[in-house]
Amino acid sequence: MSTSNPTPDFPSPLLAQPNGLLAQGGRLEPEWLLAAYRKGIFPWFDSDQSPILWWSPDPRAAVIPGDVRITRSLAKAVRNRPFDVRLDHDFTATVEGCAKRSDREETGTWITPKMQQAYGRLHRMGFAHSVEIWSNGQLAGGLYGVSFGRLFFGESMFSFETDASKVAFVALHIQLRRWGFALIDCQLPNPHLTSLGVTTMPRRQFLRIVEAGQSSDGRIGRWQLDADWRDDLVALRKICD
């Protein structure tokens, strides 16, 4: 992919290497990022000094809104913990929290300053959103991602308090289910996501859902959580021991 090309120019995701790497180069401008997500591609690289790498793994970690796995202890945390759950209240702090989590775990972070700026631009345009968990006036956890049509592409999540990111994930599921969303992309599986009900699907199936999910206008702009979202815990009927 040419870095000098002013317009997005991505190869077919089906041409990705076995590990999911598809291309390198390009830019982190909004039109590039949105063009990538519309083709089921996402950026992921080590540092601002590294070339931008674009990925489309097979299989893909994803989940249908509502198919969240809620243990009894998590359901209790959603109902009873003194968490204030907000959408798009402090997107910048949420992204910074995700970056700090990676640094704290000493795994490094792909959420570099340039990446933070890029997703901040998408947020101001109404395409990137945060789910935030506040406790005693402090940001305790959350997640962020990109959305258009009936699709949400999760990028990262973090917890500074027990269960905070899990509560954010449940709140996101419930709200997107209410809005009729078709898919939450989680990119790559890990034990934390698997414990919440995230599974994998073949890339071709994922790409079909992404293509179909773009037909709706979606919810561009600032999001707001329904006040009674916790009432849907019973309706989901996915509570496990």
C-alpha atoms as a PDB file:
ATOM      1  CA  MET A   1       0.000   0.000   0.000  1.00  0.00           C
ATOM      2  CA  SER A   2       1.469   3.353  -1.009  1.00  0.00           C
ATOM      3  CA  THR A   3       2.047   5.890   1.768  1.00  0.00           C
ATOM      4  CA  SER A   4       2.033   8.711  -0.788  1.00  0.00           C
ATOM      5  CA  ASN A   5      -1.490   7.962  -1.986  1.00  0.00           C
ATOM      6  CA  PRO A   6      -3.773  10.677  -0.522  1.00  0.00           C
ATOM      7  CA  THR A   7      -6.804   8.363  -0.595  1.00  0.00           C
ATOM      8  CA  PRO A   8      -7.273   5.021   1.194  1.00  0.00           C
ATOM      9  CA  ASP A   9      -6.056   2.115  -0.896  1.00  0.00           C
ATOM     10  CA  PHE A  10      -6.451  -1.193   0.951  1.00  0.00           C
ATOM     11  CA  PRO A  11      -6.062  -4.637  -0.578  1.00  0.00           C
ATOM     12  CA  SER A  12      -8.722  -7.282  -0.047  1.00  0.00           C
ATOM     13  CA  PRO A  13      -8.761  -8.571   3.557  1.00  0.00           C
ATOM     14  CA  LEU A  14      -8.733 -12.082   2.094  1.00  0.00           C
ATOM     15  CA  LEU A  15      -5.113 -11.494   1.057  1.00  0.00           C
ATOM     16  CA  ALA A  16      -3.907 -11.135   4.647  1.00  0.00           C
ATOM     17  CA  GLN A  17      -1.059 -13.311   5.851  1.00  0.00           C
ATOM     18  CA  PRO A  18      -1.894 -16.284   8.135  1.00  0.00           C
ATOM     19  CA  ASN A  19      -1.221 -14.114  11.212  1.00  0.00           C
ATOM     20  CA  GLY A  20      -3.659 -11.473   9.913  1.00  0.00           C
ATOM     21  CA  LEU A  21      -1.160  -8.876   8.695  1.00  0.00           C
ATOM     22  CA  LEU A  22      -2.479  -7.307   5.502  1.00  0.00           C
ATOM     23  CA  ALA A  23      -0.517  -4.145   4.696  1.00  0.00           C
ATOM     24  CA  GLN A  24       1.775  -1.452   6.024  1.00  0.00           C
ATOM     25  CA  GLY A  25       1.996   2.264   5.455  1.00  0.00           C
ATOM     26  CA  GLY A  26      -0.851   4.682   4.904  1.00  0.00           C
ATOM     27  CA  ARG A  27      -2.067   7.280   7.345  1.00  0.00           C
ATOM     28  CA  LEU A  28      -4.062   7.637  10.554  1.00  0.00           C
ATOM     29  CA  GLU A  29      -6.374  10.290   9.177  1.00  0.00           C
ATOM     30  CA  PRO A  30     -10.143   9.763   9.626  1.00  0.00           C
ATOM     31  CA  GLU A  31     -10.795   8.800   6.009  1.00  0.00           C
ATOM     32  CA  TRP A  32      -8.124   6.092   6.214  1.00  0.00           C
ATOM     33  CA  LEU A  33      -9.379   4.674   9.488  1.00  0.00           C
ATOM     34  CA  LEU A  34     -13.015   4.628   8.393  1.00  0.00           C
ATOM     35  CA  ALA A  35     -12.113   3.059   5.047  1.00  0.00           C
ATOM     36  CA  ALA A  36     -10.191   0.358   6.914  1.00  0.00           C
ATOM     37  CA  TYR A  37     -12.999  -0.468   9.336  1.00  0.00           C
ATOM     38  CA  ARG A  38     -15.513  -0.582   6.499  1.00  0.00           C
ATOM     39  CA  LYS A  39     -13.442  -3.426   5.022  1.00  0.00           C
ATOM     40  CA  GLY A  40     -12.959  -5.218   8.336  1.00  0.00           C
ATOM     41  CA  ILE A  41      -9.373  -3.967   8.782  1.00  0.00           C
ATOM     42  CA  PHE A  42      -7.816  -2.301  11.831  1.00  0.00           C
ATOM     43  CA  PRO A  43      -4.434  -0.655  12.621  1.00  0.00           C
ATOM     44  CA  TRP A  44      -2.073  -2.134  15.214  1.00  0.00           C
ATOM     45  CA  PHE A  45       1.622  -1.325  15.574  1.00  0.00           C
ATOM     46  CA  ASP A  46       4.276  -0.900  18.261  1.00  0.00           C
ATOM     47  CA  SER A  47       5.249   2.769  18.329  1.00  0.00           C
ATOM     48  CA  ASP A  48       4.930   6.078  16.534  1.00  0.00           C
ATOM     49  CA  GLN A  49       8.331   5.369  14.991  1.00  0.00           C
ATOM     50  CA  SER A  50       7.107   2.089  13.463  1.00  0.00           C
ATOM     51  CA  PRO A  51       5.244   1.851  10.145  1.00  0.00           C
ATOM     52  CA  ILE A  52       1.469   1.632  10.443  1.00  0.00           C
ATOM     53  CA  LEU A  53       0.422  -2.020  10.189  1.00  0.00           C
ATOM     54  CA  TRP A  54      -3.080  -3.039   9.083  1.00  0.00           C
ATOM     55  CA  TRP A  55      -4.665  -6.333  10.129  1.00  0.00           C
ATOM     56  CA  SER A  56      -7.548  -8.625   9.218  1.00  0.00           C
ATOM     57  CA  PRO A  57      -7.199 -11.838  11.274  1.00  0.00           C
ATOM     58  CA  ASP A  58      -8.936 -15.133  10.540  1.00  0.00           C
ATOM     59  CA  PRO A  59     -10.823 -16.154  12.618  1.00  0.00           C
ATOM     60  CA  ARG A  60     -12.166 -12.941  14.095  1.00  0.00           C
ATOM     61  CA  ALA A  61     -13.252 -12.384  17.695  1.00  0.00           C
ATOM     62  CA  ALA A  62     -16.757 -10.928  17.724  1.00  0.00           C
ATOM     63  CA  VAL A  63     -20.108 -11.156  19.443  1.00  0.00           C
ATOM     64  CA  ILE A  64     -23.728 -10.297  18.679  1.00  0.00           C
ATOM     65  CA  PRO A  65     -25.119  -7.607  21.029  1.00  0.00           C
ATOM     66  CA  GLY A  66     -27.025  -9.394  23.757  1.00  0.00           C
ATOM     67  CA  ASP A  67     -24.960 -12.594  23.659  1.00  0.00           C
ATOM     68  CA  VAL A  68     -22.902 -11.499  26.634  1.00  0.00           C
ATOM     69  CA  ARG A  69     -22.105 -14.074  29.339  1.00  0.00           C
ATOM     70  CA  ILE A  70     -23.134 -12.694  32.715  1.00  0.00           C
ATOM     71  CA  THR A  71     -22.111 -14.629  35.804  1.00  0.00           C
ATOM     72  CA  ARG A  72     -24.142 -14.203  38.956  1.00  0.00           C
ATOM     73  CA  SER A  73     -21.313 -12.240  40.540  1.00  0.00           C
ATOM     74  CA  LEU A  74     -21.128  -9.923  37.514  1.00  0.00           C
ATOM     75  CA  ALA A  75     -24.898  -9.417  37.538  1.00  0.00           C
ATOM     76  CA  LYS A  76     -24.631  -8.481  41.202  1.00  0.00           C
ATOM     77  CA  ALA A  77     -21.851  -6.004  40.392  1.00  0.00           C
ATOM     78  CA  VAL A  78     -23.949  -4.426  37.619  1.00  0.00           C
ATOM     79  CA  ARG A  79     -26.915  -4.025  39.968  1.00  0.00           C
ATOM     80  CA  ASN A  80     -25.264  -3.140  43.243  1.00  0.00           C
ATOM     81  CA  ARG A  81     -21.792  -1.676  42.797  1.00  0.00           C
ATOM     82  CA  PRO A  82     -21.834   2.134  43.192  1.00  0.00           C
ATOM     83  CA  PHE A  83     -20.738   2.647  39.594  1.00  0.00           C
ATOM     84  CA  ASP A  84     -21.888   5.574  37.470  1.00  0.00           C
ATOM     85  CA  VAL A  85     -21.941   4.347  33.861  1.00  0.00           C
ATOM     86  CA  ARG A  86     -21.667   7.015  31.155  1.00  0.00           C
ATOM     87  CA  LEU A  87     -21.228   7.157  27.393  1.00  0.00           C
ATOM     88  CA  ASP A  88     -18.938   9.706  25.718  1.00  0.00           C
ATOM     89  CA  HIS A  89     -18.471  11.742  28.895  1.00  0.00           C
ATOM     90  CA  ASP A  90     -14.645  11.760  28.778  1.00  0.00           C
ATOM     91  CA  PHE A  91     -13.418   9.931  25.701  1.00  0.00           C
ATOM     92  CA  THR A  92      -9.861  11.211  26.047  1.00  0.00           C
ATOM     93  CA  ALA A  93      -9.483   9.944  29.603  1.00  0.00           C
ATOM     94  CA  THR A  94     -10.874   6.557  28.582  1.00  0.00           C
ATOM     95  CA  VAL A  95      -8.329   6.139  25.802  1.00  0.00           C
ATOM     96  CA  GLU A  96      -5.565   7.245  28.166  1.00  0.00           C
ATOM     97  CA  GLY A  97      -6.774   4.691  30.705  1.00  0.00           C
ATOM     98  CA  CYS A  98      -6.505   1.927  28.126  1.00  0.00           C
ATOM     99  CA  ALA A  99      -2.967   3.038  27.293  1.00  0.00           C
ATOM    100  CA  LYS A 100      -1.978   3.156  30.980  1.00  0.00           C
ATOM    101  CA  ARG A 101      -3.300  -0.367  31.509  1.00  0.00           C
ATOM    102  CA  SER A 102      -0.967  -1.728  28.849  1.00  0.00           C
ATOM    103  CA  ASP A 103       1.973   0.138  30.341  1.00  0.00           C
ATOM    104  CA  ARG A 104       1.133  -1.102  33.830  1.00  0.00           C
ATOM    105  CA  GLU A 105       1.055  -4.702  32.585  1.00  0.00           C
ATOM    106  CA  GLU A 106       4.477  -4.118  30.984  1.00  0.00           C
ATOM    107  CA  THR A 107       3.258  -5.452  27.658  1.00  0.00           C
ATOM    108  CA  GLY A 108       3.801  -2.181  25.834  1.00  0.00           C
ATOM    109  CA  THR A 109       0.981  -0.323  24.192  1.00  0.00           C
ATOM    110  CA  TRP A 110      -0.076   0.221  20.619  1.00  0.00           C
ATOM    111  CA  ILE A 111      -2.186   3.165  21.852  1.00  0.00           C
ATOM    112  CA  THR A 112       0.546   5.633  21.030  1.00  0.00           C
ATOM    113  CA  PRO A 113       0.135   9.427  21.203  1.00  0.00           C
ATOM    114  CA  LYS A 114      -0.569   9.519  17.457  1.00  0.00           C
ATOM    115  CA  MET A 115      -3.182   6.792  17.811  1.00  0.00           C
ATOM    116  CA  GLN A 116      -4.814   8.666  20.676  1.00  0.00           C
ATOM    117  CA  GLN A 117      -4.981  11.791  18.543  1.00  0.00           C
ATOM    118  CA  ALA A 118      -6.389   9.844  15.590  1.00  0.00           C
ATOM    119  CA  TYR A 119      -9.226   8.314  17.582  1.00  0.00           C
ATOM    120  CA  GLY A 120      -9.847  11.648  19.260  1.00  0.00           C
ATOM    121  CA  ARG A 121     -10.528  13.108  15.819  1.00  0.00           C
ATOM    122  CA  LEU A 122     -12.945  10.270  15.067  1.00  0.00           C
ATOM    123  CA  HIS A 123     -14.696  10.939  18.365  1.00  0.00           C
ATOM    124  CA  ARG A 124     -15.149  14.621  17.563  1.00  0.00           C
ATOM    125  CA  MET A 125     -16.621  13.566  14.215  1.00  0.00           C
ATOM    126  CA  GLY A 126     -19.093  11.289  16.014  1.00  0.00           C
ATOM    127  CA  PHE A 127     -17.597   7.945  14.906  1.00  0.00           C
ATOM    128  CA  ALA A 128     -15.698   6.899  18.052  1.00  0.00           C
ATOM    129  CA  HIS A 129     -17.295   6.328  21.443  1.00  0.00           C
ATOM    130  CA  SER A 130     -16.438   5.477  25.025  1.00  0.00           C
ATOM    131  CA  VAL A 131     -18.237   3.544  27.742  1.00  0.00           C
ATOM    132  CA  GLU A 132     -17.012   4.813  31.099  1.00  0.00           C
ATOM    133  CA  ILE A 133     -17.296   3.530  34.655  1.00  0.00           C
ATOM    134  CA  TRP A 134     -17.017   6.216  37.315  1.00  0.00           C
ATOM    135  CA  SER A 135     -16.592   5.526  41.040  1.00  0.00           C
ATOM    136  CA  ASN A 136     -16.472   8.275  43.663  1.00  0.00           C
ATOM    137  CA  GLY A 137     -15.835  10.834  40.944  1.00  0.00           C
ATOM    138  CA  GLN A 138     -12.891   8.914  39.471  1.00  0.00           C
ATOM    139  CA  LEU A 139     -12.677   6.982  36.206  1.00  0.00           C
ATOM    140  CA  ALA A 140     -12.524   3.336  37.310  1.00  0.00           C
ATOM    141  CA  GLY A 141     -12.622   1.582  33.941  1.00  0.00           C
ATOM    142  CA  GLY A 142     -14.152   1.530  30.506  1.00  0.00           C
ATOM    143  CA  LEU A 143     -13.717   0.827  26.838  1.00  0.00           C
ATOM    144  CA  TYR A 144     -13.749   2.615  23.496  1.00  0.00           C
ATOM    145  CA  GLY A 145     -14.268   1.826  19.841  1.00  0.00           C
ATOM    146  CA  VAL A 146     -15.449   2.966  16.420  1.00  0.00           C
ATOM    147  CA  SER A 147     -19.013   2.769  15.156  1.00  0.00           C
ATOM    148  CA  PHE A 148     -21.012   3.325  11.996  1.00  0.00           C
ATOM    149  CA  GLY A 149     -24.134   1.667  10.631  1.00  0.00           C
ATOM    150  CA  ARG A 150     -25.166  -1.132  13.001  1.00  0.00           C
ATOM    151  CA  LEU A 151     -21.568  -2.044  13.854  1.00  0.00           C
ATOM    152  CA  PHE A 152     -19.263  -1.376  16.785  1.00  0.00           C
ATOM    153  CA  PHE A 153     -15.533  -2.075  16.479  1.00  0.00           C
ATOM    154  CA  GLY A 154     -14.071  -2.407  19.952  1.00  0.00           C
ATOM    155  CA  GLU A 155     -10.503  -1.200  20.377  1.00  0.00           C
ATOM    156  CA  SER A 156      -9.471  -1.553  24.020  1.00  0.00           C
ATOM    157  CA  MET A 157     -10.768  -1.762  27.574  1.00  0.00           C
ATOM    158  CA  PHE A 158      -9.345  -1.271  31.069  1.00  0.00           C
ATOM    159  CA  SER A 159     -10.137  -1.580  34.772  1.00  0.00           C
ATOM    160  CA  PHE A 160      -8.685   0.268  37.729  1.00  0.00           C
ATOM    161  CA  GLU A 161     -11.337  -1.340  39.979  1.00  0.00           C
ATOM    162  CA  THR A 162     -12.620  -4.923  40.041  1.00  0.00           C
ATOM    163  CA  ASP A 163     -15.316  -5.641  37.417  1.00  0.00           C
ATOM    164  CA  ALA A 164     -15.256  -2.097  35.974  1.00  0.00           C
ATOM    165  CA  SER A 165     -14.451  -3.109  32.391  1.00  0.00           C
ATOM    166  CA  LYS A 166     -16.904  -6.023  32.596  1.00  0.00           C
ATOM    167  CA  VAL A 167     -19.709  -3.698  33.669  1.00  0.00           C
ATOM    168  CA  ALA A 168     -18.821  -1.398  30.760  1.00  0.00           C
ATOM    169  CA  PHE A 169     -18.998  -4.361  28.376  1.00  0.00           C
ATOM    170  CA  VAL A 170     -22.412  -5.406  29.695  1.00  0.00           C
ATOM    171  CA  ALA A 171     -23.744  -1.846  29.428  1.00  0.00           C
ATOM    172  CA  LEU A 172     -22.489  -1.594  25.849  1.00  0.00           C
ATOM    173  CA  HIS A 173     -24.164  -4.890  24.932  1.00  0.00           C
ATOM    174  CA  ILE A 174     -27.487  -3.850  26.381  1.00  0.00           C
ATOM    175  CA  GLN A 175     -27.502  -0.417  24.745  1.00  0.00           C
ATOM    176  CA  LEU A 176     -26.451  -1.713  21.318  1.00  0.00           C
ATOM    177  CA  ARG A 177     -29.038  -4.480  21.545  1.00  0.00           C
ATOM    178  CA  ARG A 178     -31.680  -1.842  22.194  1.00  0.00           C
ATOM    179  CA  TRP A 179     -30.512   0.078  19.129  1.00  0.00           C
ATOM    180  CA  GLY A 180     -30.622  -3.017  16.921  1.00  0.00           C
ATOM    181  CA  PHE A 181     -26.892  -3.320  16.281  1.00  0.00           C
ATOM    182  CA  ALA A 182     -25.688  -6.393  14.393  1.00  0.00           C
ATOM    183  CA  LEU A 183     -22.154  -6.923  15.696  1.00  0.00           C
ATOM    184  CA  ILE A 184     -19.479  -5.997  18.211  1.00  0.00           C
ATOM    185  CA  ASP A 185     -16.002  -6.637  16.807  1.00  0.00           C
ATOM    186  CA  CYS A 186     -13.379  -7.592  19.401  1.00  0.00           C
ATOM    187  CA  GLN A 187     -10.536  -8.213  16.918  1.00  0.00           C
ATOM    188  CA  LEU A 188      -8.574 -10.970  18.684  1.00  0.00           C
ATOM    189  CA  PRO A 189      -9.699 -13.423  21.384  1.00  0.00           C
ATOM    190  CA  ASN A 190      -8.283 -13.428  24.902  1.00  0.00           C
ATOM    191  CA  PRO A 191      -9.373 -15.077  28.162  1.00  0.00           C
ATOM    192  CA  HIS A 192     -11.008 -11.896  29.488  1.00  0.00           C
ATOM    193  CA  LEU A 193     -13.220 -11.523  26.403  1.00  0.00           C
ATOM    194  CA  THR A 194     -13.979 -15.242  26.245  1.00  0.00           C
ATOM    195  CA  SER A 195     -15.232 -15.121  29.843  1.00  0.00           C
ATOM    196  CA  LEU A 196     -17.741 -12.492  28.698  1.00  0.00           C
ATOM    197  CA  GLY A 197     -19.130 -14.603  25.860  1.00  0.00           C
ATOM    198  CA  VAL A 198     -16.985 -13.436  22.947  1.00  0.00           C
ATOM    199  CA  THR A 199     -16.369 -16.181  20.386  1.00  0.00           C
ATOM    200  CA  THR A 200     -14.626 -16.366  17.011  1.00  0.00           C
ATOM    201  CA  MET A 201     -16.064 -16.566  13.516  1.00  0.00           C
ATOM    202  CA  PRO A 202     -14.502 -17.192  10.099  1.00  0.00           C
ATOM    203  CA  ARG A 203     -13.270 -14.008   8.432  1.00  0.00           C
ATOM    204  CA  ARG A 204     -15.587 -14.441   5.446  1.00  0.00           C
ATOM    205  CA  GLN A 205     -18.613 -14.592   7.749  1.00  0.00           C
ATOM    206  CA  PHE A 206     -17.361 -11.560   9.665  1.00  0.00           C
ATOM    207  CA  LEU A 207     -16.884  -9.574   6.455  1.00  0.00           C
ATOM    208  CA  ARG A 208     -20.398 -10.428   5.265  1.00  0.00           C
ATOM    209  CA  ILE A 209     -21.854  -9.078   8.509  1.00  0.00           C
ATOM    210  CA  VAL A 210     -19.701  -5.936   8.260  1.00  0.00           C
ATOM    211  CA  GLU A 211     -20.826  -5.306   4.689  1.00  0.00           C
ATOM    212  CA  ALA A 212     -24.508  -5.767   5.538  1.00  0.00           C
ATOM    213  CA  GLY A 213     -24.249  -3.735   8.747  1.00  0.00           C
ATOM    214  CA  GLN A 214     -23.188  -0.589   6.899  1.00  0.00           C
ATOM    215  CA  SER A 215     -26.538  -0.175   5.158  1.00  0.00           C
ATOM    216  CA  SER A 216     -28.007   1.720   8.133  1.00  0.00           C
ATOM    217  CA  ASP A 217     -27.227   5.357   8.866  1.00  0.00           C
ATOM    218  CA  GLY A 218     -26.209   4.377  12.391  1.00  0.00           C
ATOM    219  CA  ARG A 219     -25.864   6.692  15.355  1.00  0.00           C
ATOM    220  CA  ILE A 220     -23.284   9.326  14.478  1.00  0.00           C
ATOM    221  CA  GLY A 221     -22.677  11.864  17.218  1.00  0.00           C
ATOM    222  CA  ARG A 222     -22.559  11.731  20.985  1.00  0.00           C
ATOM    223  CA  TRP A 223     -24.126   8.666  22.584  1.00  0.00           C
ATOM    224  CA  GLN A 224     -26.256   8.522  25.722  1.00  0.00           C
ATOM    225  CA  LEU A 225     -27.064   5.454  27.820  1.00  0.00           C
ATOM    226  CA  ASP A 226     -30.725   4.671  28.497  1.00  0.00           C
ATOM    227  CA  ALA A 227     -31.512   5.355  32.143  1.00  0.00           C
ATOM    228  CA  ASP A 228     -33.184   1.949  32.597  1.00  0.00           C
ATOM    229  CA  TRP A 229     -30.524  -0.153  30.839  1.00  0.00           C
ATOM    230  CA  ARG A 230     -30.012  -2.380  33.895  1.00  0.00           C
ATOM    231  CA  ASP A 231     -33.602  -3.640  33.534  1.00  0.00           C
ATOM    232  CA  ASP A 232     -32.482  -5.727  30.535  1.00  0.00           C
ATOM    233  CA  LEU A 233     -30.288  -7.989  32.670  1.00  0.00           C
ATOM    234  CA  VAL A 234     -33.274 -10.260  33.221  1.00  0.00           C
ATOM    235  CA  ALA A 235     -34.306 -10.189  29.558  1.00  0.00           C
ATOM    236  CA  LEU A 236     -30.881 -11.380  28.413  1.00  0.00           C
ATOM    237  CA  ARG A 237     -31.245 -14.631  30.385  1.00  0.00           C
ATOM    238  CA  LYS A 238     -27.546 -15.371  29.991  1.00  0.00           C
ATOM    239  CA  ILE A 239     -26.669 -15.431  33.677  1.00  0.00           C
ATOM    240  CA  CYS A 240     -24.363 -18.357  34.451  1.00  0.00           C
ATOM    241  CA  ASP A 241     -22.901 -19.787  37.643  1.00  0.00           C
END
